[in-house]
Amino acid sequence: MPNLNVIVIATRNAGKVREFAALFAGKQLVIRSLLDYAEIPSVEEDGLTFGANALKKAKALALELGVPVLADDSGLCVDALNGAPGVWSARFAGEHATDADNNAKLLLALQNDEQSASEKLSADSSPLLLSKAQYVCALAMYNPLTDEVIQVEQTCEGFIIQETRGSRGFGYDPLFYLPEFGLTMAELPHDQKNQISHRAKALQLLLQRMDGLELK
């Protein structure tokens, strides 16, 4: 049998797995994730930047598995909260917080924040825009067979609104509003999200830099 070009996505987040699988569609690659490796322990994300966390995960897991690993660290940076929750986005409301927990804490933080209250962008807008925000995605791919590293980072600009809308996304998607579409990220059709999201833009850049990369 011919060798397979295998890439392991360093996540157990089913939503991320689905997005990456869709974004890699049509490539001659076998995409796996940590859902396929139950015995592999998680890597502690203790870096101070998205890029540092992504690279740490990619290297540690690639050396453990012996195949190229693509790791991402992504999150939400809210202007009115000085960039929070940032690298702590997934655990903003606690180590085992759900998406609903994190969204609720974000809204509470904005409602209680004096800067946010004084900078509400439009009292007449529907929905009410509480703060500018950016989704950030840092990707790192490490190939243990060649010691090659590729790192990229991209953003998606939007606003945090006063209440959740939509059920298609995950994370903070129901609160992340895109004025150019008049929809939250959780209301966008999946194919549209996979064209404009921070993760989609980062992966497209990564794929450009993967040209000629020997995988396996």
C-alpha atoms as a PDB file:
ATOM      1  CA  MET A   1       0.000   0.000   0.000  1.00  0.00           C
ATOM      2  CA  PRO A   2       1.232   3.523  -0.680  1.00  0.00           C
ATOM      3  CA  ASN A   3       2.240   5.708   2.223  1.00  0.00           C
ATOM      4  CA  LEU A   4      -0.487   8.019   3.424  1.00  0.00           C
ATOM      5  CA  ASN A   5       0.020  11.699   4.101  1.00  0.00           C
ATOM      6  CA  VAL A   6      -1.262  11.860   7.651  1.00  0.00           C
ATOM      7  CA  ILE A   7      -1.779  15.026   9.682  1.00  0.00           C
ATOM      8  CA  VAL A   8      -3.098  14.904  13.232  1.00  0.00           C
ATOM      9  CA  ILE A   9      -5.095  17.919  14.376  1.00  0.00           C
ATOM     10  CA  ALA A  10      -4.155  18.569  17.994  1.00  0.00           C
ATOM     11  CA  THR A  11      -7.635  18.975  19.438  1.00  0.00           C
ATOM     12  CA  ARG A  12     -10.467  16.999  21.001  1.00  0.00           C
ATOM     13  CA  ASN A  13     -12.910  19.812  20.266  1.00  0.00           C
ATOM     14  CA  ALA A  14     -15.409  18.236  17.876  1.00  0.00           C
ATOM     15  CA  GLY A  15     -16.349  21.624  16.439  1.00  0.00           C
ATOM     16  CA  LYS A  16     -12.755  22.392  15.523  1.00  0.00           C
ATOM     17  CA  VAL A  17     -12.303  18.903  14.065  1.00  0.00           C
ATOM     18  CA  ARG A  18     -15.285  19.448  11.756  1.00  0.00           C
ATOM     19  CA  GLU A  19     -13.977  22.835  10.652  1.00  0.00           C
ATOM     20  CA  PHE A  20     -10.492  21.565   9.895  1.00  0.00           C
ATOM     21  CA  ALA A  21     -11.845  18.528   8.023  1.00  0.00           C
ATOM     22  CA  ALA A  22     -13.963  20.822   5.841  1.00  0.00           C
ATOM     23  CA  LEU A  23     -11.080  23.205   5.241  1.00  0.00           C
ATOM     24  CA  PHE A  24      -8.730  20.361   4.235  1.00  0.00           C
ATOM     25  CA  ALA A  25     -11.359  18.820   1.925  1.00  0.00           C
ATOM     26  CA  GLY A  26      -9.926  17.930  -1.477  1.00  0.00           C
ATOM     27  CA  LYS A  27      -6.352  17.645  -0.223  1.00  0.00           C
ATOM     28  CA  GLN A  28      -4.578  14.310  -0.518  1.00  0.00           C
ATOM     29  CA  LEU A  29      -4.313  13.990   3.217  1.00  0.00           C
ATOM     30  CA  VAL A  30      -5.637  11.724   5.943  1.00  0.00           C
ATOM     31  CA  ILE A  31      -6.888  13.960   8.733  1.00  0.00           C
ATOM     32  CA  ARG A  32      -6.985  12.607  12.255  1.00  0.00           C
ATOM     33  CA  SER A  33      -7.404  14.292  15.614  1.00  0.00           C
ATOM     34  CA  LEU A  34      -6.770  13.564  19.268  1.00  0.00           C
ATOM     35  CA  LEU A  35     -10.219  11.965  19.303  1.00  0.00           C
ATOM     36  CA  ASP A  36      -8.438   9.094  17.511  1.00  0.00           C
ATOM     37  CA  TYR A  37      -5.779   8.855  20.232  1.00  0.00           C
ATOM     38  CA  ALA A  38      -7.586   8.545  23.530  1.00  0.00           C
ATOM     39  CA  GLU A  39      -4.414   7.449  25.311  1.00  0.00           C
ATOM     40  CA  ILE A  40      -2.475  10.621  24.470  1.00  0.00           C
ATOM     41  CA  PRO A  41      -2.552  13.114  27.364  1.00  0.00           C
ATOM     42  CA  SER A  42      -3.361  16.766  26.787  1.00  0.00           C
ATOM     43  CA  VAL A  43      -0.549  19.290  26.583  1.00  0.00           C
ATOM     44  CA  GLU A  44      -0.743  22.092  29.126  1.00  0.00           C
ATOM     45  CA  GLU A  45      -1.378  25.417  27.412  1.00  0.00           C
ATOM     46  CA  ASP A  46       0.674  27.682  29.649  1.00  0.00           C
ATOM     47  CA  GLY A  47       2.086  30.050  27.028  1.00  0.00           C
ATOM     48  CA  LEU A  48       1.451  33.781  27.133  1.00  0.00           C
ATOM     49  CA  THR A  49       0.596  33.980  23.432  1.00  0.00           C
ATOM     50  CA  PHE A  50      -1.548  31.970  21.023  1.00  0.00           C
ATOM     51  CA  GLY A  51       1.532  31.192  18.927  1.00  0.00           C
ATOM     52  CA  ALA A  52       3.519  29.842  21.863  1.00  0.00           C
ATOM     53  CA  ASN A  53       0.703  27.502  22.876  1.00  0.00           C
ATOM     54  CA  ALA A  54       0.188  26.238  19.335  1.00  0.00           C
ATOM     55  CA  LEU A  55       3.882  25.479  18.825  1.00  0.00           C
ATOM     56  CA  LYS A  56       4.220  23.742  22.176  1.00  0.00           C
ATOM     57  CA  LYS A  57       1.269  21.443  21.417  1.00  0.00           C
ATOM     58  CA  ALA A  58       2.408  20.686  17.873  1.00  0.00           C
ATOM     59  CA  LYS A  59       5.946  19.714  18.864  1.00  0.00           C
ATOM     60  CA  ALA A  60       5.030  17.683  21.947  1.00  0.00           C
ATOM     61  CA  LEU A  61       2.348  15.658  20.193  1.00  0.00           C
ATOM     62  CA  ALA A  62       4.268  15.164  16.954  1.00  0.00           C
ATOM     63  CA  LEU A  63       7.235  13.737  18.846  1.00  0.00           C
ATOM     64  CA  GLU A  64       4.867  11.446  20.755  1.00  0.00           C
ATOM     65  CA  LEU A  65       2.967  10.214  17.679  1.00  0.00           C
ATOM     66  CA  GLY A  66       5.752  10.255  15.085  1.00  0.00           C
ATOM     67  CA  VAL A  67       3.629  12.038  12.440  1.00  0.00           C
ATOM     68  CA  PRO A  68       3.089  15.695  11.515  1.00  0.00           C
ATOM     69  CA  VAL A  69       0.800  17.502  13.932  1.00  0.00           C
ATOM     70  CA  LEU A  70      -1.130  20.688  13.314  1.00  0.00           C
ATOM     71  CA  ALA A  71      -2.000  22.558  16.493  1.00  0.00           C
ATOM     72  CA  ASP A  72      -4.037  25.669  16.877  1.00  0.00           C
ATOM     73  CA  ASP A  73      -4.556  28.027  19.723  1.00  0.00           C
ATOM     74  CA  SER A  74      -7.365  30.421  19.154  1.00  0.00           C
ATOM     75  CA  GLY A  75      -9.522  32.708  21.177  1.00  0.00           C
ATOM     76  CA  LEU A  76     -11.354  35.958  21.567  1.00  0.00           C
ATOM     77  CA  CYS A  77      -9.778  39.318  22.348  1.00  0.00           C
ATOM     78  CA  VAL A  78     -12.281  41.971  23.436  1.00  0.00           C
ATOM     79  CA  ASP A  79     -11.188  45.598  23.191  1.00  0.00           C
ATOM     80  CA  ALA A  80     -13.240  46.822  26.172  1.00  0.00           C
ATOM     81  CA  LEU A  81     -11.642  44.124  28.356  1.00  0.00           C
ATOM     82  CA  ASN A  82      -8.083  45.000  27.294  1.00  0.00           C
ATOM     83  CA  GLY A  83      -7.780  41.886  25.158  1.00  0.00           C
ATOM     84  CA  ALA A  84      -9.366  39.416  27.586  1.00  0.00           C
ATOM     85  CA  PRO A  85     -10.194  36.575  27.605  1.00  0.00           C
ATOM     86  CA  GLY A  86      -7.334  36.030  25.129  1.00  0.00           C
ATOM     87  CA  VAL A  87      -5.323  32.835  25.631  1.00  0.00           C
ATOM     88  CA  TRP A  88      -7.683  31.929  28.486  1.00  0.00           C
ATOM     89  CA  SER A  89     -10.755  31.970  26.210  1.00  0.00           C
ATOM     90  CA  ALA A  90     -11.589  28.276  26.593  1.00  0.00           C
ATOM     91  CA  ARG A  91     -11.362  28.443  30.386  1.00  0.00           C
ATOM     92  CA  PHE A  92     -12.534  32.013  30.980  1.00  0.00           C
ATOM     93  CA  ALA A  93     -15.225  30.844  33.421  1.00  0.00           C
ATOM     94  CA  GLY A  94     -13.108  28.055  34.933  1.00  0.00           C
ATOM     95  CA  GLU A  95     -11.025  25.031  33.989  1.00  0.00           C
ATOM     96  CA  HIS A  96     -14.028  22.905  32.986  1.00  0.00           C
ATOM     97  CA  ALA A  97     -16.258  25.718  31.753  1.00  0.00           C
ATOM     98  CA  THR A  98     -18.783  25.091  28.993  1.00  0.00           C
ATOM     99  CA  ASP A  99     -19.303  27.446  26.059  1.00  0.00           C
ATOM    100  CA  ALA A 100     -22.450  28.710  27.777  1.00  0.00           C
ATOM    101  CA  ASP A 101     -20.479  29.400  30.979  1.00  0.00           C
ATOM    102  CA  ASN A 102     -17.859  31.390  29.082  1.00  0.00           C
ATOM    103  CA  ASN A 103     -20.433  33.385  27.133  1.00  0.00           C
ATOM    104  CA  ALA A 104     -22.306  34.241  30.322  1.00  0.00           C
ATOM    105  CA  LYS A 105     -19.122  35.420  32.049  1.00  0.00           C
ATOM    106  CA  LEU A 106     -18.161  37.519  29.038  1.00  0.00           C
ATOM    107  CA  LEU A 107     -21.514  39.307  29.024  1.00  0.00           C
ATOM    108  CA  LEU A 108     -21.319  39.884  32.767  1.00  0.00           C
ATOM    109  CA  ALA A 109     -17.811  41.309  32.462  1.00  0.00           C
ATOM    110  CA  LEU A 110     -18.916  43.711  29.726  1.00  0.00           C
ATOM    111  CA  GLN A 111     -22.048  44.777  31.570  1.00  0.00           C
ATOM    112  CA  ASN A 112     -19.984  45.506  34.676  1.00  0.00           C
ATOM    113  CA  ASP A 113     -17.155  47.242  32.841  1.00  0.00           C
ATOM    114  CA  GLU A 114     -17.299  51.051  32.980  1.00  0.00           C
ATOM    115  CA  GLN A 115     -15.281  51.444  29.786  1.00  0.00           C
ATOM    116  CA  SER A 116     -17.631  49.130  27.934  1.00  0.00           C
ATOM    117  CA  ALA A 117     -20.673  50.944  29.312  1.00  0.00           C
ATOM    118  CA  SER A 118     -19.318  54.320  28.157  1.00  0.00           C
ATOM    119  CA  GLU A 119     -18.259  53.066  24.733  1.00  0.00           C
ATOM    120  CA  LYS A 120     -21.341  51.181  23.558  1.00  0.00           C
ATOM    121  CA  LEU A 121     -21.120  51.717  19.856  1.00  0.00           C
ATOM    122  CA  SER A 122     -24.709  52.434  18.948  1.00  0.00           C
ATOM    123  CA  ALA A 123     -27.711  52.688  21.224  1.00  0.00           C
ATOM    124  CA  ASP A 124     -29.939  52.425  18.170  1.00  0.00           C
ATOM    125  CA  SER A 125     -28.318  49.380  16.600  1.00  0.00           C
ATOM    126  CA  SER A 126     -30.011  46.039  16.601  1.00  0.00           C
ATOM    127  CA  PRO A 127     -28.382  44.142  18.128  1.00  0.00           C
ATOM    128  CA  LEU A 128     -26.602  46.388  20.613  1.00  0.00           C
ATOM    129  CA  LEU A 129     -22.849  46.296  20.005  1.00  0.00           C
ATOM    130  CA  LEU A 130     -21.050  46.106  23.349  1.00  0.00           C
ATOM    131  CA  SER A 131     -17.437  46.169  22.168  1.00  0.00           C
ATOM    132  CA  LYS A 132     -15.140  45.659  19.239  1.00  0.00           C
ATOM    133  CA  ALA A 133     -13.457  42.247  19.330  1.00  0.00           C
ATOM    134  CA  GLN A 134     -11.155  40.024  17.346  1.00  0.00           C
ATOM    135  CA  TYR A 135     -11.052  36.293  16.946  1.00  0.00           C
ATOM    136  CA  VAL A 136      -7.400  35.190  16.733  1.00  0.00           C
ATOM    137  CA  CYS A 137      -6.099  31.878  15.406  1.00  0.00           C
ATOM    138  CA  ALA A 138      -2.463  30.813  15.595  1.00  0.00           C
ATOM    139  CA  LEU A 139      -1.516  27.601  13.773  1.00  0.00           C
ATOM    140  CA  ALA A 140       1.692  25.635  14.144  1.00  0.00           C
ATOM    141  CA  MET A 141       2.567  22.503  12.208  1.00  0.00           C
ATOM    142  CA  TYR A 142       5.577  20.426  13.183  1.00  0.00           C
ATOM    143  CA  ASN A 143       6.909  17.497  11.160  1.00  0.00           C
ATOM    144  CA  PRO A 144       9.078  15.268  13.393  1.00  0.00           C
ATOM    145  CA  LEU A 145      10.460  13.453  10.332  1.00  0.00           C
ATOM    146  CA  THR A 146      12.077  16.575   8.909  1.00  0.00           C
ATOM    147  CA  ASP A 147      12.127  18.936  11.928  1.00  0.00           C
ATOM    148  CA  GLU A 148      10.187  21.492   9.865  1.00  0.00           C
ATOM    149  CA  VAL A 149       7.935  24.069  11.510  1.00  0.00           C
ATOM    150  CA  ILE A 150       5.318  26.299   9.901  1.00  0.00           C
ATOM    151  CA  GLN A 151       3.601  28.992  11.977  1.00  0.00           C
ATOM    152  CA  VAL A 152       0.896  31.458  10.928  1.00  0.00           C
ATOM    153  CA  GLU A 153      -1.591  33.736  12.658  1.00  0.00           C
ATOM    154  CA  GLN A 154      -4.744  35.443  11.384  1.00  0.00           C
ATOM    155  CA  THR A 155      -7.669  37.399  12.821  1.00  0.00           C
ATOM    156  CA  CYS A 156     -11.346  38.022  12.151  1.00  0.00           C
ATOM    157  CA  GLU A 157     -12.771  41.381  13.220  1.00  0.00           C
ATOM    158  CA  GLY A 158     -16.228  41.796  14.718  1.00  0.00           C
ATOM    159  CA  PHE A 159     -18.225  42.942  17.734  1.00  0.00           C
ATOM    160  CA  ILE A 160     -19.639  41.407  20.897  1.00  0.00           C
ATOM    161  CA  ILE A 161     -23.417  41.784  21.168  1.00  0.00           C
ATOM    162  CA  GLN A 162     -25.716  41.811  24.179  1.00  0.00           C
ATOM    163  CA  GLU A 163     -27.270  38.354  23.725  1.00  0.00           C
ATOM    164  CA  THR A 164     -26.491  35.063  22.021  1.00  0.00           C
ATOM    165  CA  ARG A 165     -27.823  34.439  18.524  1.00  0.00           C
ATOM    166  CA  GLY A 166     -27.554  31.313  16.380  1.00  0.00           C
ATOM    167  CA  SER A 167     -26.727  27.667  16.987  1.00  0.00           C
ATOM    168  CA  ARG A 168     -24.330  26.701  14.184  1.00  0.00           C
ATOM    169  CA  GLY A 169     -21.061  27.654  15.818  1.00  0.00           C
ATOM    170  CA  PHE A 170     -19.243  26.946  19.055  1.00  0.00           C
ATOM    171  CA  GLY A 171     -17.267  28.899  21.614  1.00  0.00           C
ATOM    172  CA  TYR A 172     -18.117  32.603  21.517  1.00  0.00           C
ATOM    173  CA  ASP A 173     -19.657  32.397  18.025  1.00  0.00           C
ATOM    174  CA  PRO A 174     -23.216  33.241  19.232  1.00  0.00           C
ATOM    175  CA  LEU A 175     -21.950  36.574  20.612  1.00  0.00           C
ATOM    176  CA  PHE A 176     -19.514  37.434  17.802  1.00  0.00           C
ATOM    177  CA  TYR A 177     -21.344  39.733  15.384  1.00  0.00           C
ATOM    178  CA  LEU A 178     -20.227  40.510  11.832  1.00  0.00           C
ATOM    179  CA  PRO A 179     -21.839  43.787  10.664  1.00  0.00           C
ATOM    180  CA  GLU A 180     -21.060  43.135   7.004  1.00  0.00           C
ATOM    181  CA  PHE A 181     -23.322  40.072   7.137  1.00  0.00           C
ATOM    182  CA  GLY A 182     -25.770  41.248   9.798  1.00  0.00           C
ATOM    183  CA  LEU A 183     -25.246  37.887  11.515  1.00  0.00           C
ATOM    184  CA  THR A 184     -23.283  36.331  14.338  1.00  0.00           C
ATOM    185  CA  MET A 185     -20.663  33.719  13.539  1.00  0.00           C
ATOM    186  CA  ALA A 186     -23.123  31.137  14.889  1.00  0.00           C
ATOM    187  CA  GLU A 187     -25.754  32.227  12.362  1.00  0.00           C
ATOM    188  CA  LEU A 188     -23.512  31.984   9.306  1.00  0.00           C
ATOM    189  CA  PRO A 189     -23.841  28.883   7.106  1.00  0.00           C
ATOM    190  CA  HIS A 190     -20.845  26.594   7.643  1.00  0.00           C
ATOM    191  CA  ASP A 191     -19.491  27.074   4.123  1.00  0.00           C
ATOM    192  CA  GLN A 192     -19.570  30.847   4.535  1.00  0.00           C
ATOM    193  CA  LYS A 193     -17.897  30.689   7.945  1.00  0.00           C
ATOM    194  CA  ASN A 194     -15.190  28.502   6.425  1.00  0.00           C
ATOM    195  CA  GLN A 195     -14.338  31.318   4.028  1.00  0.00           C
ATOM    196  CA  ILE A 196     -14.055  34.246   6.422  1.00  0.00           C
ATOM    197  CA  SER A 197     -13.214  32.920   9.891  1.00  0.00           C
ATOM    198  CA  HIS A 198      -9.872  33.474  11.615  1.00  0.00           C
ATOM    199  CA  ARG A 199      -9.258  29.721  11.430  1.00  0.00           C
ATOM    200  CA  ALA A 200     -10.081  29.548   7.724  1.00  0.00           C
ATOM    201  CA  LYS A 201      -7.760  32.451   6.907  1.00  0.00           C
ATOM    202  CA  ALA A 202      -4.947  30.978   9.006  1.00  0.00           C
ATOM    203  CA  LEU A 203      -5.307  27.568   7.364  1.00  0.00           C
ATOM    204  CA  GLN A 204      -5.308  29.047   3.861  1.00  0.00           C
ATOM    205  CA  LEU A 205      -2.046  30.814   4.679  1.00  0.00           C
ATOM    206  CA  LEU A 206      -0.650  27.615   6.162  1.00  0.00           C
ATOM    207  CA  LEU A 207      -1.584  25.620   3.047  1.00  0.00           C
ATOM    208  CA  GLN A 208       0.283  28.125   0.896  1.00  0.00           C
ATOM    209  CA  ARG A 209       3.386  27.588   3.005  1.00  0.00           C
ATOM    210  CA  MET A 210       2.962  23.798   2.982  1.00  0.00           C
ATOM    211  CA  ASP A 211       3.753  23.580  -0.729  1.00  0.00           C
ATOM    212  CA  GLY A 212       6.576  21.103  -1.138  1.00  0.00           C
ATOM    213  CA  LEU A 213       6.517  20.040   2.515  1.00  0.00           C
ATOM    214  CA  GLU A 214       7.269  16.326   2.841  1.00  0.00           C
ATOM    215  CA  LEU A 215       4.827  14.788   5.280  1.00  0.00           C
ATOM    216  CA  LYS A 216       5.356  11.035   5.332  1.00  0.00           C
END
